[in-house]
Amino acid sequence: MAEPDKTSVSGVTYTPAEAGYFEKRSLKRTAGFWGIWGMGIAAVISGDFSGWNFGLASAGFGGMAIAFVIVVVMYFAMLFSIGEMSAAMPHTGGAYSFARAAMGPWGGFVTGLAETIEYVATTAVIVYFSASYANGITDVLFSFTLPAWVWWIILYLVFIALNTAGAAVSFRFALVVAFLSIAILAVFAVLALASGQWSVDKLYDIVPDAGQTAFLPHGVLPILFALPFAMWFFLGIEELPLAAEEAHDPAKDIPRGGIMGMITLVACGAVVLVLNPGLTGSDSLGASGEPLLDGFRAILPDGLAAVLSAFALIGLLASLQGIMFAYGRNMYSLSRAGYYPKFLSLTGKRQTPWVSLLVGAVIGFLGLVIVDLTGGAAGTGGAIVLNIAVWGAVLAYLLQMTSFVLLRRNFAHVSRPYLSPMGVPGAILAGVIALAIFLGFLLNELFRPAIVAIAIVYVVMLIGFALFGRKQLVLSPEEEYALSGGTHGDPQVEGYDAMESEVFRDDTH
């Protein structure tokens, strides 16, 4: 017999929410379709400016082009599946919520933690590359540079302030910088084509290994190793379900925003993939921390290139805004349900999860410092943190696609305002590609520091959840949806405590 104020399910214990609990953790509905689309583009667009180019060193231009096509297929199939799940579950949890309904509390925690790692690490990668761009610009224009860690602090502080100013401000800023970033890439494309400097030969200037070709200079297997870098063109677009409680019509706008955002990103990514190395050469671009700036330098005088690159920095800052939004909402939803310490989900007067935003920034900054002190300053730091982000992402993708298949079977009766046009086969296809990328990490020795880092985080967090978190869960909308078999969990319709009286009504439940 359970105590009157507690109930246990699947190895976890739920306790009633204290008076005013959800009022202290409230979000505000401010976003329509364009706000959702803008947030998705903003979260991802930095992938066109930095990070993707490391795949050229791994597999050459041909291998990177093949990897690009593979991940495009994965993302479309995955977004169709995520769109269906998010329309059925219009609350902030996203991947955690999907897995919680499909695989229980432990599955939800493991999946949610993978997304936390993904978004906190992705934010850190963007901060890392933004600092590199900023120093490149100030060096040419003003003849000074700052230590990287100073830029990191400045960037984190500025964007914490922006993200805590209110959801309406966040969505408007994301939309503006999304359009500006696309405009910058369009200017780059026009200048590249008009310069006369672009050459097919530069795409294939990596000297092939013995017995290999210019198209695949290191052979076929490195295509697998290039997949994580090809993902950088799109990583983060899957965050949109995290905006469900801040969207006016989440069941309609989140699936549509994701698909339209993906179409936009494919066009931008294809332009950069073909034009950037065609200006600089794939060989030199493969190790660059600021590939778009190098592209501008190849066709413009240094001073003018630096000016245009100052605008290019907008693309990185757009993603800093978008991904910081994601880790804030991800940590907020897990904290609100009790998986993480509950104080992380406090929102304050502006109804933004300021505590999660601050704590995630501190974790990301410390991660950058650790990587820098252990050799990242030599030029590999960005790639190491990028790999942590991507490995967390593919784990979350694999678990979400597994969740889709299970939910189609076990929650077949629930309302699905949007249906994936690819259905279960699409989810399986996306999951298989995610699994291939996952295995690629295990095979590549260069990726192992990322795997070790994530393994340590998982061990610590799972022990913490087993000892403390699982005994403190709260009936948040995500938990209500899972426990009720899909009949509860829409806070827009029911409020935030629909099941409290049902679960805790007497001491026999």
Protein backbone atom coordinates (compact mmCIF):
# COMPACT_ATOMS: atom_id res chain seq x y z
CA MET A 1 0.00 0.00 0.00
CA ALA A 2 1.42 3.37 -1.00
CA GLU A 3 1.59 6.33 1.33
CA PRO A 4 -1.25 8.85 0.81
CA ASP A 5 1.12 11.46 -0.61
CA LYS A 6 3.14 9.19 -2.89
CA THR A 7 2.66 6.60 -5.59
CA SER A 8 5.19 4.30 -7.25
CA VAL A 9 5.24 3.26 -10.91
CA SER A 10 7.94 1.45 -12.90
CA GLY A 11 10.54 1.86 -10.19
CA VAL A 12 9.99 5.60 -9.67
CA THR A 13 8.01 7.49 -7.05
CA TYR A 14 5.67 10.41 -7.71
CA THR A 15 4.95 13.06 -5.09
CA PRO A 16 2.26 15.75 -5.22
CA ALA A 17 3.36 19.11 -6.55
CA GLU A 18 3.57 21.74 -3.82
CA ALA A 19 1.17 24.68 -3.89
CA GLY A 20 2.14 27.08 -6.69
CA TYR A 21 4.64 24.61 -8.16
CA PHE A 22 3.58 25.00 -11.80
CA GLU A 23 2.88 28.72 -11.44
CA LYS A 24 6.57 29.17 -10.60
CA ARG A 25 7.43 27.18 -13.72
CA SER A 26 5.15 28.74 -16.31
CA LEU A 27 5.88 29.46 -19.98
CA LYS A 28 4.09 31.92 -22.26
CA ARG A 29 2.55 31.22 -25.67
CA THR A 30 4.05 33.73 -28.09
CA ALA A 31 5.10 31.92 -31.31
CA GLY A 32 3.30 31.35 -34.58
CA PHE A 33 4.58 29.47 -37.62
CA TRP A 34 7.24 32.02 -38.58
CA GLY A 35 8.55 32.18 -35.04
CA ILE A 36 8.88 28.38 -34.98
CA TRP A 37 10.52 28.33 -38.42
CA GLY A 38 12.89 31.12 -37.43
CA MET A 39 13.92 29.37 -34.22
CA GLY A 40 14.64 26.17 -36.14
CA ILE A 41 16.74 27.97 -38.77
CA ALA A 42 18.54 30.03 -36.14
CA ALA A 43 19.42 26.92 -34.15
CA VAL A 44 21.06 25.24 -37.13
CA ILE A 45 22.41 27.90 -39.47
CA SER A 46 25.83 28.13 -37.81
CA GLY A 47 26.53 24.72 -39.33
CA ASP A 48 26.95 26.50 -42.65
CA PHE A 49 29.57 28.80 -41.14
CA SER A 50 31.80 26.41 -39.16
CA GLY A 51 32.23 22.78 -38.18
CA TRP A 52 30.99 20.91 -41.26
CA ASN A 53 34.33 21.38 -43.04
CA PHE A 54 36.16 18.88 -40.81
CA GLY A 55 34.38 16.22 -42.86
CA LEU A 56 36.49 17.21 -45.87
CA ALA A 57 39.62 16.13 -44.02
CA SER A 58 37.97 12.84 -43.09
CA ALA A 59 36.57 11.80 -46.48
CA GLY A 60 37.43 14.39 -49.13
CA PHE A 61 34.82 16.33 -51.08
CA GLY A 62 33.27 13.24 -52.64
CA GLY A 63 32.89 11.45 -49.35
CA MET A 64 31.49 14.57 -47.73
CA ALA A 65 28.96 15.01 -50.55
CA ILE A 66 27.76 11.42 -50.12
CA ALA A 67 27.54 11.91 -46.34
CA PHE A 68 25.49 15.06 -46.95
CA VAL A 69 22.92 13.15 -49.00
CA ILE A 70 22.68 10.39 -46.40
CA VAL A 71 22.02 12.76 -43.52
CA VAL A 72 19.46 14.70 -45.58
CA VAL A 73 17.50 11.45 -45.94
CA MET A 74 17.85 10.76 -42.22
CA TYR A 75 16.66 14.20 -41.17
CA PHE A 76 13.61 14.28 -43.41
CA ALA A 77 12.52 10.81 -42.25
CA MET A 78 13.18 11.76 -38.64
CA LEU A 79 11.38 15.10 -38.82
CA PHE A 80 8.29 13.44 -40.23
CA SER A 81 8.31 11.07 -37.24
CA ILE A 82 9.06 13.79 -34.69
CA GLY A 83 6.33 15.95 -36.22
CA GLU A 84 3.78 13.22 -35.62
CA MET A 85 4.86 12.67 -32.03
CA SER A 86 5.06 16.38 -31.18
CA ALA A 87 1.57 17.03 -32.59
CA ALA A 88 0.21 14.25 -30.37
CA MET A 89 2.18 15.45 -27.32
CA PRO A 90 2.00 19.26 -27.25
CA HIS A 91 4.19 19.81 -24.22
CA THR A 92 7.76 20.96 -23.78
CA GLY A 93 9.55 17.65 -23.15
CA GLY A 94 10.34 16.79 -26.76
CA ALA A 95 12.56 13.70 -27.03
CA TYR A 96 12.28 12.99 -23.31
CA SER A 97 8.49 13.06 -23.57
CA PHE A 98 8.39 10.72 -26.57
CA ALA A 99 10.68 8.19 -24.91
CA ARG A 100 8.93 8.51 -21.54
CA ALA A 101 5.62 7.48 -23.11
CA ALA A 102 7.20 4.69 -25.15
CA MET A 103 9.89 3.28 -22.85
CA GLY A 104 9.04 4.34 -19.31
CA PRO A 105 10.79 6.69 -16.87
CA TRP A 106 14.27 5.27 -17.38
CA GLY A 107 13.95 5.45 -21.16
CA GLY A 108 12.71 9.02 -20.85
CA PHE A 109 15.61 9.98 -18.61
CA VAL A 110 18.27 8.39 -20.84
CA THR A 111 16.82 10.08 -23.93
CA GLY A 112 16.37 13.44 -22.27
CA LEU A 113 19.93 13.33 -20.96
CA ALA A 114 21.20 12.62 -24.49
CA GLU A 115 19.46 15.79 -25.67
CA THR A 116 20.88 17.77 -22.76
CA ILE A 117 24.37 16.66 -23.76
CA GLU A 118 23.64 17.46 -27.40
CA TYR A 119 22.36 20.97 -26.83
CA VAL A 120 24.78 22.04 -24.08
CA ALA A 121 27.71 20.76 -26.14
CA THR A 122 26.36 22.28 -29.36
CA THR A 123 26.09 25.65 -27.66
CA ALA A 124 29.69 25.28 -26.51
CA VAL A 125 30.82 24.46 -30.06
CA ILE A 126 29.11 27.57 -31.40
CA VAL A 127 30.70 29.69 -28.68
CA TYR A 128 34.09 28.18 -29.60
CA PHE A 129 33.76 28.97 -33.30
CA SER A 130 32.19 32.38 -32.64
CA ALA A 131 35.24 33.33 -30.60
CA SER A 132 37.48 32.23 -33.47
CA TYR A 133 35.52 34.35 -35.94
CA ALA A 134 35.44 37.32 -33.58
CA ASN A 135 39.21 37.26 -33.11
CA GLY A 136 39.75 36.95 -36.85
CA ILE A 137 37.60 40.03 -37.41
CA THR A 138 39.05 42.20 -34.63
CA ASP A 139 42.59 41.27 -35.63
CA VAL A 140 42.12 42.62 -39.17
CA LEU A 141 39.88 45.59 -38.40
CA PHE A 142 41.23 46.76 -35.05
CA SER A 143 44.60 44.98 -34.65
CA PHE A 144 43.76 43.23 -31.40
CA THR A 145 42.60 39.83 -30.20
CA LEU A 146 41.28 38.54 -26.91
CA PRO A 147 41.98 35.25 -25.15
CA ALA A 148 39.39 32.70 -26.26
CA TRP A 149 38.00 32.26 -22.75
CA VAL A 150 37.20 35.98 -22.55
CA TRP A 151 35.12 35.73 -25.71
CA TRP A 152 33.42 32.63 -24.29
CA ILE A 153 32.34 34.50 -21.16
CA ILE A 154 31.13 37.51 -23.17
CA LEU A 155 29.10 35.35 -25.55
CA TYR A 156 27.49 33.26 -22.83
CA LEU A 157 26.54 36.31 -20.77
CA VAL A 158 25.06 38.23 -23.69
CA PHE A 159 22.92 35.32 -24.85
CA ILE A 160 21.78 34.32 -21.39
CA ALA A 161 20.52 37.88 -21.06
CA LEU A 162 18.78 37.68 -24.43
CA ASN A 163 17.14 34.32 -23.69
CA THR A 164 15.90 35.44 -20.30
CA ALA A 165 14.34 38.65 -21.69
CA GLY A 166 11.18 36.75 -22.60
CA ALA A 167 10.02 34.18 -25.15
CA ALA A 168 8.62 36.85 -27.49
CA VAL A 169 12.03 38.52 -27.65
CA SER A 170 13.73 35.16 -28.27
CA PHE A 171 11.45 34.20 -31.15
CA ARG A 172 11.64 37.64 -32.79
CA PHE A 173 15.42 37.73 -32.53
CA ALA A 174 15.66 34.21 -33.95
CA LEU A 175 13.48 35.12 -36.92
CA VAL A 176 15.47 38.28 -37.71
CA VAL A 177 18.88 36.60 -37.49
CA ALA A 178 17.60 33.62 -39.49
CA PHE A 179 16.74 35.90 -42.41
CA LEU A 180 20.01 37.82 -42.02
CA SER A 181 22.02 34.59 -42.01
CA ILE A 182 20.33 33.34 -45.16
CA ALA A 183 21.00 36.73 -46.79
CA ILE A 184 24.69 36.49 -45.85
CA LEU A 185 24.95 33.06 -47.44
CA ALA A 186 23.22 34.39 -50.55
CA VAL A 187 25.78 37.23 -50.77
CA PHE A 188 28.58 34.71 -50.38
CA ALA A 189 27.13 32.57 -53.15
CA VAL A 190 26.81 35.50 -55.56
CA LEU A 191 30.34 36.73 -54.85
CA ALA A 192 31.77 33.22 -55.17
CA LEU A 193 30.15 32.65 -58.55
CA ALA A 194 31.05 36.13 -59.83
CA SER A 195 34.66 36.05 -58.63
CA GLY A 196 35.99 33.60 -61.18
CA GLN A 197 37.97 31.95 -58.37
CA TRP A 198 35.75 28.89 -57.99
CA SER A 199 37.16 25.72 -59.55
CA VAL A 200 36.18 22.07 -59.66
CA ASP A 201 39.85 21.18 -59.31
CA LYS A 202 39.94 22.81 -55.87
CA LEU A 203 37.16 20.51 -54.69
CA TYR A 204 39.40 17.52 -55.38
CA ASP A 205 42.80 18.87 -54.34
CA ILE A 206 43.34 16.37 -51.49
CA VAL A 207 46.11 14.01 -52.52
CA PRO A 208 44.61 10.48 -52.70
CA ASP A 209 45.98 7.64 -50.63
CA ALA A 210 47.64 4.85 -52.55
CA GLY A 211 45.07 3.10 -54.73
CA GLN A 212 42.33 5.68 -54.07
CA THR A 213 40.72 8.34 -56.26
CA ALA A 214 40.45 12.12 -56.12
CA PHE A 215 36.70 11.74 -55.48
CA LEU A 216 37.25 9.48 -52.45
CA PRO A 217 40.89 10.21 -51.54
CA HIS A 218 40.81 8.09 -48.38
CA GLY A 219 38.47 5.35 -49.60
CA VAL A 220 34.87 4.42 -48.79
CA LEU A 221 34.97 3.83 -45.02
CA PRO A 222 35.74 7.49 -44.16
CA ILE A 223 32.28 8.41 -45.50
CA LEU A 224 31.05 6.94 -42.22
CA PHE A 225 33.44 9.24 -40.33
CA ALA A 226 32.23 12.26 -42.32
CA LEU A 227 28.57 11.72 -41.36
CA PRO A 228 28.86 13.53 -37.99
CA PHE A 229 30.23 16.60 -39.77
CA ALA A 230 27.55 16.46 -42.46
CA MET A 231 25.03 16.43 -39.62
CA TRP A 232 26.33 19.82 -38.58
CA PHE A 233 24.36 21.35 -41.49
CA PHE A 234 21.12 20.24 -39.79
CA LEU A 235 21.80 19.40 -36.16
CA GLY A 236 19.31 21.23 -33.94
CA ILE A 237 16.30 21.42 -36.26
CA GLU A 238 14.80 18.59 -34.21
CA GLU A 239 14.58 20.93 -31.19
CA LEU A 240 11.27 22.45 -32.30
CA PRO A 241 9.02 20.22 -30.12
CA LEU A 242 10.67 21.92 -27.14
CA ALA A 243 8.72 25.05 -28.10
CA ALA A 244 5.34 23.29 -27.83
CA GLU A 245 4.14 25.15 -24.74
CA GLU A 246 5.20 28.49 -26.24
CA ALA A 247 3.56 27.97 -29.65
CA HIS A 248 0.02 29.16 -30.35
CA ASP A 249 -0.81 26.07 -32.44
CA PRO A 250 1.86 23.44 -31.71
CA ALA A 251 0.03 20.53 -33.37
CA LYS A 252 0.07 22.36 -36.69
CA ASP A 253 3.06 24.70 -36.64
CA ILE A 254 5.79 22.49 -35.18
CA PRO A 255 5.57 19.73 -37.84
CA ARG A 256 5.21 22.33 -40.61
CA GLY A 257 8.00 24.51 -39.22
CA GLY A 258 10.35 21.53 -39.07
CA ILE A 259 9.77 20.41 -42.65
CA MET A 260 9.91 23.91 -44.13
CA GLY A 261 13.00 24.62 -42.06
CA MET A 262 14.66 21.47 -43.36
CA ILE A 263 13.98 22.43 -46.97
CA THR A 264 15.56 25.82 -46.31
CA LEU A 265 18.60 24.26 -44.66
CA VAL A 266 19.19 21.75 -47.46
CA ALA A 267 19.38 24.61 -49.95
CA CYS A 268 21.78 26.61 -47.77
CA GLY A 269 23.95 23.60 -46.97
CA ALA A 270 24.29 22.53 -50.60
CA VAL A 271 25.44 26.02 -51.60
CA VAL A 272 28.11 26.14 -48.90
CA LEU A 273 29.28 22.56 -49.44
CA VAL A 274 29.92 23.14 -53.15
CA LEU A 275 31.11 26.75 -53.22
CA ASN A 276 33.28 27.12 -50.12
CA PRO A 277 35.89 24.41 -50.86
CA GLY A 278 35.75 25.34 -54.54
CA LEU A 279 37.24 28.70 -53.58
CA THR A 280 39.82 27.68 -51.00
CA GLY A 281 40.52 24.05 -51.81
CA SER A 282 39.20 21.12 -49.78
CA ASP A 283 42.64 20.33 -48.38
CA SER A 284 43.15 23.65 -46.60
CA LEU A 285 39.50 24.06 -45.63
CA GLY A 286 39.40 20.71 -43.86
CA ALA A 287 41.19 22.08 -40.79
CA SER A 288 39.80 25.62 -40.73
CA GLY A 289 38.06 27.06 -37.68
CA GLU A 290 36.46 29.76 -39.81
CA PRO A 291 35.76 28.30 -43.27
CA LEU A 292 33.35 30.96 -44.50
CA LEU A 293 35.81 33.69 -43.52
CA ASP A 294 38.46 31.79 -45.49
CA GLY A 295 36.05 31.73 -48.41
CA PHE A 296 35.59 35.49 -48.26
CA ARG A 297 39.36 35.95 -47.97
CA ALA A 298 39.86 33.96 -51.16
CA ILE A 299 37.82 36.42 -53.21
CA LEU A 300 38.08 39.76 -51.36
CA PRO A 301 40.79 42.00 -49.84
CA ASP A 302 41.42 41.25 -46.16
CA GLY A 303 39.69 44.36 -44.84
CA LEU A 304 36.52 43.84 -46.87
CA ALA A 305 36.55 40.12 -46.11
CA ALA A 306 36.68 40.92 -42.41
CA VAL A 307 33.73 43.31 -42.73
CA LEU A 308 31.64 40.69 -44.50
CA SER A 309 32.75 38.09 -41.97
CA ALA A 310 31.47 40.35 -39.22
CA PHE A 311 28.09 39.80 -40.83
CA ALA A 312 28.90 36.10 -41.14
CA LEU A 313 29.33 36.03 -37.39
CA ILE A 314 25.58 36.73 -37.24
CA GLY A 315 24.99 33.17 -38.44
CA LEU A 316 26.92 31.76 -35.52
CA LEU A 317 25.19 34.05 -33.07
CA ALA A 318 21.82 33.03 -34.52
CA SER A 319 22.54 29.44 -33.61
CA LEU A 320 23.85 30.44 -30.23
CA GLN A 321 20.42 31.93 -29.59
CA GLY A 322 18.52 28.95 -30.99
CA ILE A 323 20.46 26.17 -29.29
CA MET A 324 20.61 27.98 -25.96
CA PHE A 325 16.81 28.12 -26.18
CA ALA A 326 16.84 24.34 -26.71
CA TYR A 327 19.01 23.35 -23.77
CA GLY A 328 17.08 25.74 -21.54
CA ARG A 329 13.75 24.10 -22.41
CA ASN A 330 15.15 20.58 -22.35
CA MET A 331 16.61 21.00 -18.87
CA TYR A 332 13.47 22.85 -17.78
CA SER A 333 11.15 20.00 -18.76
CA LEU A 334 13.28 17.30 -17.12
CA SER A 335 13.61 19.42 -13.99
CA ARG A 336 9.89 20.25 -13.86
CA ALA A 337 9.16 16.51 -13.83
CA GLY A 338 11.79 15.89 -11.14
CA TYR A 339 14.45 14.04 -13.17
CA TYR A 340 16.85 16.94 -12.62
CA PRO A 341 16.90 19.12 -9.48
CA LYS A 342 13.61 21.01 -9.39
CA PHE A 343 15.12 24.47 -8.95
CA LEU A 344 16.40 24.27 -12.55
CA SER A 345 12.84 24.72 -13.86
CA LEU A 346 12.07 28.00 -12.10
CA THR A 347 11.03 30.61 -14.65
CA GLY A 348 10.65 33.95 -12.85
CA LYS A 349 8.62 36.99 -13.90
CA ARG A 350 9.55 36.83 -17.58
CA GLN A 351 8.43 33.18 -17.82
CA THR A 352 11.76 31.92 -19.14
CA PRO A 353 13.81 29.10 -17.54
CA TRP A 354 16.63 31.39 -16.44
CA VAL A 355 18.15 28.92 -13.95
CA SER A 356 18.53 26.19 -16.59
CA LEU A 357 19.99 28.71 -19.03
CA LEU A 358 22.58 29.81 -16.50
CA VAL A 359 23.53 26.32 -15.31
CA GLY A 360 23.81 25.01 -18.88
CA ALA A 361 26.12 27.91 -19.74
CA VAL A 362 28.36 27.21 -16.76
CA ILE A 363 28.60 23.53 -17.74
CA GLY A 364 29.39 24.41 -21.36
CA PHE A 365 32.02 26.98 -20.38
CA LEU A 366 33.74 24.54 -18.02
CA GLY A 367 33.71 21.92 -20.77
CA LEU A 368 35.45 24.31 -23.15
CA VAL A 369 38.05 25.17 -20.54
CA ILE A 370 38.76 21.51 -19.86
CA VAL A 371 39.10 20.71 -23.58
CA ASP A 372 41.32 23.76 -24.04
CA LEU A 373 43.59 22.79 -21.14
CA THR A 374 43.92 19.22 -22.42
CA GLY A 375 45.00 20.16 -25.94
CA GLY A 376 42.04 21.78 -27.64
CA ALA A 377 43.93 25.01 -28.14
CA ALA A 378 46.04 23.24 -30.72
CA GLY A 379 43.08 23.38 -33.08
CA THR A 380 41.11 20.24 -32.26
CA GLY A 381 39.00 21.64 -29.44
CA GLY A 382 36.09 22.55 -31.65
CA ALA A 383 36.08 19.12 -33.28
CA ILE A 384 36.19 17.34 -29.89
CA VAL A 385 33.22 19.26 -28.49
CA LEU A 386 31.42 18.95 -31.84
CA ASN A 387 31.77 15.18 -31.62
CA ILE A 388 30.33 15.19 -28.10
CA ALA A 389 27.34 17.14 -29.43
CA VAL A 390 26.82 14.87 -32.42
CA TRP A 391 27.19 11.65 -30.45
CA GLY A 392 24.60 12.87 -27.96
CA ALA A 393 22.37 13.80 -30.90
CA VAL A 394 22.54 10.44 -32.70
CA LEU A 395 21.82 8.62 -29.46
CA ALA A 396 18.75 10.83 -28.97
CA TYR A 397 17.73 10.26 -32.61
CA LEU A 398 17.99 6.49 -32.31
CA LEU A 399 15.94 6.46 -29.12
CA GLN A 400 13.30 8.79 -30.60
CA MET A 401 12.85 6.62 -33.68
CA THR A 402 12.55 3.59 -31.44
CA SER A 403 9.93 5.51 -29.47
CA PHE A 404 7.98 6.30 -32.65
CA VAL A 405 7.72 2.62 -33.56
CA LEU A 406 6.65 1.67 -30.03
CA LEU A 407 4.10 4.47 -29.81
CA ARG A 408 2.52 3.50 -33.12
CA ARG A 409 1.95 0.06 -31.59
CA ASN A 410 1.21 0.80 -27.93
CA PHE A 411 -0.55 4.18 -28.27
CA ALA A 412 -2.41 3.40 -31.49
CA HIS A 413 -5.65 4.81 -30.07
CA VAL A 414 -4.44 8.36 -29.33
CA SER A 415 -5.19 11.41 -31.45
CA ARG A 416 -2.51 12.22 -34.02
CA PRO A 417 -3.27 15.60 -35.64
CA TYR A 418 -0.31 15.07 -38.00
CA LEU A 419 0.77 11.75 -39.53
CA SER A 420 4.23 11.03 -40.90
CA PRO A 421 4.00 10.36 -44.65
CA MET A 422 6.77 7.76 -44.24
CA GLY A 423 5.24 6.06 -41.20
CA VAL A 424 7.10 3.29 -39.40
CA PRO A 425 9.43 2.55 -42.36
CA GLY A 426 10.61 6.16 -42.28
CA ALA A 427 11.37 5.97 -38.58
CA ILE A 428 13.25 2.72 -39.07
CA LEU A 429 15.27 4.22 -41.94
CA ALA A 430 16.21 7.26 -39.85
CA GLY A 431 17.06 5.02 -36.92
CA VAL A 432 19.30 2.78 -39.02
CA ILE A 433 21.26 5.78 -40.32
CA ALA A 434 21.57 7.17 -36.79
CA LEU A 435 22.82 3.76 -35.66
CA ALA A 436 25.42 3.75 -38.45
CA ILE A 437 26.70 7.13 -37.30
CA PHE A 438 26.71 5.86 -33.72
CA LEU A 439 28.82 2.85 -34.76
CA GLY A 440 31.09 5.13 -36.79
CA PHE A 441 32.01 6.88 -33.58
CA LEU A 442 33.01 3.60 -32.00
CA LEU A 443 35.22 2.69 -34.95
CA ASN A 444 37.05 6.01 -35.26
CA GLU A 445 39.82 6.48 -32.71
CA LEU A 446 39.67 10.27 -33.13
CA PHE A 447 36.09 10.30 -31.82
CA ARG A 448 36.81 8.31 -28.66
CA PRO A 449 37.45 11.28 -26.35
CA ALA A 450 33.86 12.33 -27.02
CA ILE A 451 32.57 8.84 -26.20
CA VAL A 452 34.56 8.71 -22.96
CA ALA A 453 33.26 12.15 -21.92
CA ILE A 454 29.64 11.15 -22.55
CA ALA A 455 30.09 7.80 -20.81
CA ILE A 456 31.34 9.57 -17.68
CA VAL A 457 28.37 11.95 -17.74
CA TYR A 458 25.94 9.05 -18.10
CA VAL A 459 27.45 7.07 -15.24
CA VAL A 460 27.29 10.04 -12.89
CA MET A 461 23.77 11.07 -13.91
CA LEU A 462 22.32 7.55 -13.84
CA ILE A 463 23.71 6.99 -10.35
CA GLY A 464 22.23 10.31 -9.26
CA PHE A 465 18.84 9.44 -10.74
CA ALA A 466 18.85 5.96 -9.19
CA LEU A 467 19.68 7.31 -5.74
CA PHE A 468 17.69 10.55 -5.70
CA GLY A 469 15.81 11.68 -8.81
CA ARG A 470 13.58 8.64 -9.30
CA LYS A 471 12.08 9.17 -5.84
CA GLN A 472 11.07 12.78 -6.49
CA LEU A 473 9.08 12.79 -9.73
CA VAL A 474 6.14 15.15 -10.29
CA LEU A 475 3.10 14.78 -12.54
CA SER A 476 4.18 17.22 -15.22
CA PRO A 477 2.27 17.12 -18.56
CA GLU A 478 4.83 14.68 -20.01
CA GLU A 479 4.38 12.28 -17.11
CA GLU A 480 0.58 12.59 -17.21
CA TYR A 481 0.52 11.73 -20.89
CA ALA A 482 2.60 8.60 -20.34
CA LEU A 483 0.77 7.40 -17.23
CA SER A 484 -2.68 7.98 -18.71
CA GLY A 485 -1.93 6.21 -21.99
CA GLY A 486 -2.27 9.43 -23.93
CA THR A 487 -5.57 10.68 -22.50
CA HIS A 488 -3.97 13.41 -20.37
CA GLY A 489 -1.08 15.75 -21.00
CA ASP A 490 -2.18 18.77 -23.05
CA PRO A 491 -1.55 21.72 -20.70
CA GLN A 492 -3.17 24.14 -23.14
CA VAL A 493 -6.49 22.35 -22.66
CA GLU A 494 -6.26 20.79 -19.19
CA GLY A 495 -3.88 22.96 -17.19
CA TYR A 496 -0.91 21.50 -15.32
CA ASP A 497 -2.42 19.32 -12.62
CA ALA A 498 -5.10 17.29 -14.39
CA MET A 499 -4.12 13.97 -12.80
CA GLU A 500 -3.18 15.11 -9.28
CA SER A 501 -6.61 14.30 -7.82
CA GLU A 502 -6.78 10.97 -9.65
CA VAL A 503 -3.36 9.66 -8.59
CA PHE A 504 -3.28 11.00 -5.05
CA ARG A 505 -6.96 10.74 -4.17
CA ASP A 506 -6.52 8.03 -1.52
CA ASP A 507 -3.94 5.78 0.09
CA THR A 508 -4.78 2.71 -1.98
CA HIS A 509 -3.91 4.06 -5.43
